[in-house]
Structures are given as C-alpha cells and as structure tokens.
Protein backbone atom coordinates (compact mmCIF):
# COMPACT_ATOMS: atom_id res chain seq x y z
CA MET A 1 34.78 62.71 122.90
CA LYS A 2 33.67 60.99 126.18
CA SER A 3 36.10 58.21 125.56
CA LEU A 4 39.07 60.60 125.45
CA SER A 5 41.28 61.18 128.50
CA ILE A 6 40.93 64.50 130.38
CA ALA A 7 44.49 65.33 129.36
CA ALA A 8 43.66 64.79 125.69
CA LEU A 9 40.54 66.97 125.88
CA VAL A 10 42.43 69.84 127.57
CA GLU A 11 45.36 69.42 125.19
CA GLN A 12 42.93 69.98 122.27
CA ASP A 13 41.71 73.21 123.86
CA PRO A 14 43.23 74.51 127.23
CA VAL A 15 40.10 76.57 127.91
CA ARG A 16 38.29 73.31 128.58
CA ALA A 17 40.24 73.11 131.86
CA TYR A 18 38.22 76.09 133.07
CA VAL A 19 34.91 74.40 132.20
CA LEU A 20 35.91 71.13 133.88
CA TYR A 21 37.01 73.06 137.01
CA TYR A 22 33.49 74.41 137.52
CA PHE A 23 32.16 70.85 137.31
CA GLY A 24 34.52 69.98 140.10
CA ILE A 25 37.08 68.22 137.81
CA ARG A 26 40.60 69.48 138.17
CA PHE A 27 42.30 68.26 134.97
CA TYR A 28 45.66 67.71 136.77
CA GLU A 29 44.09 65.25 139.16
CA TYR A 30 42.22 63.22 136.53
CA SER A 31 44.48 63.63 133.55
CA GLU A 32 44.70 59.91 132.62
CA HIS A 33 41.00 59.15 133.19
CA THR A 34 38.41 59.30 130.42
CA LEU A 35 35.73 61.95 130.61
CA GLU A 36 33.03 59.20 130.86
CA HIS A 37 34.86 57.55 133.80
CA VAL A 38 35.25 60.88 135.72
CA CYS A 39 31.59 61.86 135.14
CA ARG A 40 30.44 58.46 136.40
CA GLU A 41 32.72 58.69 139.43
CA ARG A 42 31.52 62.19 140.32
CA GLY A 43 27.84 61.62 139.51
CA LEU A 44 27.80 64.06 136.60
CA GLN A 45 25.69 63.84 133.42
CA VAL A 46 28.28 63.26 130.70
CA GLU A 47 26.06 64.86 128.04
CA SER A 48 25.80 68.10 130.06
CA VAL A 49 29.59 68.30 130.50
CA LEU A 50 30.13 67.48 126.82
CA LYS A 51 27.77 70.33 125.77
CA GLU A 52 29.82 72.80 127.71
CA LEU A 53 33.13 71.38 126.50
CA GLU A 54 32.02 71.78 122.92
CA GLN A 55 31.66 75.54 123.35
CA PRO A 56 34.06 76.33 126.18
CA GLY A 57 34.08 80.06 125.71
CA ALA A 58 30.37 80.59 125.20
CA ASN A 59 29.39 81.30 128.80
CA PHE A 60 32.56 82.95 129.93
CA THR A 61 33.37 85.62 127.33
CA GLU A 62 32.37 89.24 127.73
CA ALA A 63 29.42 90.10 125.45
CA GLU A 64 29.88 92.73 122.87
CA LEU A 65 27.56 95.45 124.20
CA PRO A 66 26.86 98.96 122.85
CA LEU A 67 28.20 100.49 126.03
CA MET A 68 28.73 103.90 124.55
CA SER A 69 24.99 104.32 124.34
CA TYR A 70 24.34 103.11 127.90
CA PRO A 71 23.63 105.47 130.80
CA LEU A 72 26.30 105.78 133.45
CA ASP A 73 24.46 103.62 136.07
CA LEU A 74 24.33 100.68 133.59
CA ILE A 75 27.99 101.08 132.65
CA ILE A 76 28.89 100.89 136.36
CA GLU A 77 26.75 97.75 136.74
CA TYR A 78 28.51 96.18 133.76
CA LEU A 79 31.93 96.98 135.28
CA LYS A 80 30.82 95.69 138.67
CA HIS A 81 29.65 92.44 137.07
CA ALA A 82 33.08 92.21 135.47
CA HIS A 83 34.72 92.66 138.79
CA PHE A 84 32.54 89.89 140.24
CA ILE A 85 33.59 87.47 137.48
CA PHE A 86 37.25 88.41 137.99
CA VAL A 87 37.20 88.09 141.80
CA LYS A 88 34.81 85.13 142.29
CA HIS A 89 35.55 83.06 139.20
CA LYS A 90 38.59 83.75 137.03
CA LEU A 91 41.21 84.72 139.63
CA PRO A 92 40.47 81.92 142.16
CA TYR A 93 40.73 79.46 139.24
CA ILE A 94 44.02 80.85 138.04
CA GLY A 95 45.24 81.00 141.67
CA ARG A 96 44.36 77.24 142.05
CA LEU A 97 46.28 76.53 138.87
CA VAL A 98 49.45 78.37 140.10
CA GLU A 99 49.17 76.84 143.57
CA ASN A 100 49.14 73.30 142.07
CA PHE A 101 51.71 74.12 139.39
CA LYS A 102 54.38 71.40 139.03
CA ALA A 103 56.40 72.22 136.01
CA ASN A 104 58.37 68.96 135.74
CA HIS A 105 60.29 70.65 132.98
CA ALA A 106 63.71 72.25 133.23
CA GLN A 107 62.60 75.27 131.18
CA PHE A 108 59.72 76.11 133.45
CA MET A 109 61.10 75.43 136.98
CA GLN A 110 61.98 79.12 137.50
CA VAL A 111 58.63 80.16 136.06
CA GLU A 112 56.91 77.96 138.56
CA ARG A 113 58.87 79.42 141.52
CA ASP A 114 58.36 83.03 140.37
CA LEU A 115 54.65 82.65 139.60
CA LYS A 116 54.02 81.14 143.04
CA VAL A 117 55.56 84.24 144.56
CA LEU A 118 54.22 86.92 142.21
CA PHE A 119 50.71 85.82 141.49
CA PRO A 120 49.42 85.97 145.11
CA LEU A 121 50.92 89.54 145.38
CA PHE A 122 49.28 90.49 142.07
CA LEU A 123 46.00 89.01 143.30
CA GLU A 124 46.06 90.94 146.57
CA ASP A 125 46.93 94.21 144.84
CA PHE A 126 44.30 93.71 142.11
CA ILE A 127 41.48 92.92 144.53
CA HIS A 128 42.43 95.94 146.68
CA HIS A 129 42.31 98.18 143.50
CA ILE A 130 38.91 96.81 142.56
CA TYR A 131 37.28 97.39 145.95
CA GLU A 132 38.87 100.83 146.26
CA GLU A 133 37.53 101.77 142.82
CA GLU A 134 33.97 100.62 143.76
CA ASP A 135 34.10 102.37 147.12
CA THR A 136 35.40 105.67 145.83
CA LEU A 137 35.09 106.22 142.09
CA PHE A 138 31.79 104.45 141.52
CA THR A 139 30.28 105.93 144.73
CA TYR A 140 31.34 109.40 143.56
CA ILE A 141 29.75 108.96 140.04
CA ASN A 142 26.57 107.66 141.57
CA LEU A 143 26.40 110.74 143.80
CA LEU A 144 26.90 112.99 140.71
CA GLU A 145 24.01 111.17 139.03
CA LYS A 146 21.75 111.79 142.02
CA ALA A 147 22.79 115.45 142.09
CA ALA A 148 21.94 115.70 138.34
CA HIS A 149 18.39 114.69 139.25
CA GLY A 150 18.24 116.99 142.35
CA ARG A 151 18.50 114.06 144.82
CA ALA A 152 21.90 114.70 146.46
CA ASN A 153 22.62 116.27 149.80
CA PRO A 154 24.32 119.61 148.91
CA SER A 155 26.83 119.51 151.73
CA LYS A 156 27.85 115.88 150.94
CA LEU A 157 28.02 116.80 147.27
CA TYR A 158 30.27 119.83 147.92
CA PHE A 159 32.58 117.72 150.14
CA MET A 160 32.82 115.01 147.58
CA MET A 161 33.54 117.43 144.75
CA GLU A 162 36.27 119.14 146.77
CA LYS A 163 37.81 115.75 147.68
CA SER A 164 37.45 113.99 144.30
CA SER A 165 38.73 114.83 140.84
CA LEU A 166 37.71 112.64 137.92
CA GLN A 167 40.40 114.22 135.74
CA LYS A 168 43.12 113.19 138.27
CA CYS A 169 41.58 109.81 138.77
CA ALA A 170 41.49 109.11 135.04
CA VAL A 171 45.18 110.02 134.67
CA GLU A 172 46.14 107.81 137.61
CA HIS A 173 44.01 105.01 136.23
CA GLU A 174 45.75 105.01 132.87
CA ALA A 175 49.11 105.06 134.58
CA HIS A 176 48.24 101.75 136.42
CA ASP A 177 46.58 99.92 133.48
CA ASP A 178 49.38 97.56 132.72
CA GLU A 179 49.00 95.44 135.83
CA MET A 180 50.25 92.24 134.32
CA GLU A 181 53.61 93.52 133.12
CA GLY A 182 55.52 91.48 135.80
CA ILE A 183 53.69 88.27 134.87
CA ARG A 184 54.43 88.80 131.18
CA LYS A 185 58.15 89.17 131.96
CA ILE A 186 58.20 86.01 134.06
CA THR A 187 56.45 84.05 131.27
CA LYS A 188 58.34 85.74 128.42
CA ASP A 189 55.05 87.06 126.98
CA TYR A 190 53.42 83.60 127.46
CA TYR A 191 55.87 81.88 125.16
CA LEU A 192 55.05 78.18 124.73
CA PRO A 193 57.65 75.83 123.07
CA PRO A 194 56.19 72.76 121.30
CA ASP A 195 57.05 70.49 124.24
CA ALA A 196 55.54 72.71 126.92
CA PRO A 197 53.74 70.67 129.69
CA LEU A 198 49.96 70.73 129.60
CA HIS A 199 49.73 72.55 132.94
CA VAL A 200 51.88 75.40 131.54
CA LYS A 201 49.69 75.61 128.45
CA VAL A 202 46.55 75.90 130.64
CA ILE A 203 48.05 78.55 132.95
CA TYR A 204 49.37 80.65 130.04
CA THR A 205 46.10 80.40 128.16
CA GLU A 206 44.20 81.63 131.22
CA LEU A 207 46.68 84.42 131.92
CA MET A 208 46.46 85.56 128.27
CA GLN A 209 42.63 85.51 128.34
CA PHE A 210 42.50 87.35 131.64
CA GLU A 211 44.83 90.03 130.30
CA LYS A 212 42.59 90.45 127.26
CA SER A 213 39.65 90.87 129.59
CA LEU A 214 41.54 93.45 131.59
CA ILE A 215 42.39 95.41 128.42
CA THR A 216 38.70 95.45 127.44
CA HIS A 217 37.76 96.46 130.97
CA ALA A 218 40.33 99.32 131.00
CA ARG A 219 39.13 100.54 127.58
CA VAL A 220 35.48 100.70 128.86
CA GLU A 221 36.66 102.76 131.79
CA ASN A 222 39.06 105.03 130.01
CA GLU A 223 37.10 105.59 126.74
CA ILE A 224 33.47 105.46 128.01
CA LEU A 225 33.13 105.70 131.79
CA PHE A 226 35.50 108.60 132.49
CA PRO A 227 34.50 110.82 129.50
CA LYS A 228 30.75 110.47 130.39
CA ALA A 229 31.41 110.89 134.09
CA MET A 230 33.57 114.05 133.57
CA ALA A 231 30.86 115.58 131.37
CA LEU A 232 28.37 114.88 134.16
CA GLU A 233 30.73 116.26 136.79
CA ASN A 234 31.11 119.54 134.83
CA GLU A 235 27.41 119.88 134.41
CA VAL A 236 26.76 119.22 138.11
CA LYS A 237 29.42 121.72 139.23
CA ARG A 238 27.97 124.34 136.94
CA LYS A 239 24.56 123.85 138.33
CA PHE A 240 25.77 123.69 141.85
CA PHE A 241 27.74 126.94 141.76
CA GLU A 242 24.96 128.73 139.88
CA ARG A 243 22.54 127.70 142.57
CA SER A 244 24.95 128.71 145.35
CA LYS A 245 25.03 132.30 143.86
CA PHE A 246 21.33 132.78 144.68
CA ASN A 247 21.65 131.55 148.28
C-alpha cells in the first residue's frame, strides 16, 4: 500500500482523505506522490499512517452507546463531545475541501460555485445553533438537575422556568432538523457519476457522513434528551409549586 499514490489510496476509500488530512497530508496537494515518499518528506512513520489508513473509520465514528439508560448529565456530555468533533474536526476539514475545490469537470462547475457560497453560510448558522443550544437548552437542563437535588437558587429557577419551555424548544428543534437540505439540492443528493473527479468523491463522501452524524445527533436529542428533560421539568415544577404553597 505504501507504494501506491495518494490519489490511488483515496480513490479506493475517500474516507482516507480525512485520515491523511490529520497527518498534515492534503490529498489534492500530493495526489501523484506515493505514500512512502510523502511520509519521508514530512517526517512521518509510514507504518503509523498505514495502520490508520487500513481502518479509516475506526477512530472517527460515533460509538453505539446505550444512551437511553444514561442520566441526563452524561447525555449532555455526549452531545457536547459530538459538538466538539463537529466544530473542531469535521467541519473545518470539509470547509478546507470546499475552499480548495477545483472541479475541472463541466458537470460540477456549478456545484463548485454554489458550494463555495452556501457552505460557509451553513457553517456559520450551524455553529451559532450549537453554541446557542449549549448556552440555553443545556444550561436550563443542568439547572433542572440541580433543582431536583435541592441545589438550585429558587428565584433563578423560577425565572428560568418562566422563560424556558422544553416542549416549545423540542417542537422548534424538530422543525430545524433538516439543516443540510440546501446542500443536498446543490449536489443532487450527492449523486456521483462514474467519471466524477476524486475531489468531488471526497467532498460528497464527507458531506454524506456528516449528514448521517447529524441524523444520529438529532435522534439522540429528540428521542432521548427531550423526553427525559421534560419528565424532569414536570417533576421539578410539581415540587417547586408544592413547596411554594407552604411559604
């Protein structure tokens, strides 16, 4: 495998481009060089790179965890970790792929132009959504957990319960789940003809994988986080208003 060109390695499995990227090897800059040559040039242990290339998804896929049985604080930590992977790893990588996208193929010239406009907008909106979710939704759920254990400030709790509604938040969240609709339209649902350029194959593979991760992420929030949090909210409200009757 080390005697193959970078282009040939990525052609066999486009996910390998992601592994190479985190070794500092951008496949489109070294496409005609062999892996052995690039590793020698960059001072990398070829065996270490080969090991990662042989199992490109092993360190980057989301683990199948029994999240339904997890307490709320661990579910939130799981979601925050997913946010970190999205914002610090996956999205910067896809952004770099789009930024350096040169279609050199009549069928993909418009896709190149559209992605270079739309993806930065999607990225900005997505990151804003994530940080807003952590600052408002996760903060409110953490406060409910403290309240359930008698550790919340009553006035702050009352203010947050008046201001926040998990039911409303859950409905709004489901309405905004399909964040990649525009990208799917541009790429015709990631359709790849047999003669698609390698760069297109890599971008489409990463966009498809990212969308799958988003679907998993949304399912965890909609089917696990919100039901558990709403049950907790109802319990806290019941206790709060019962206590207020005696004051």
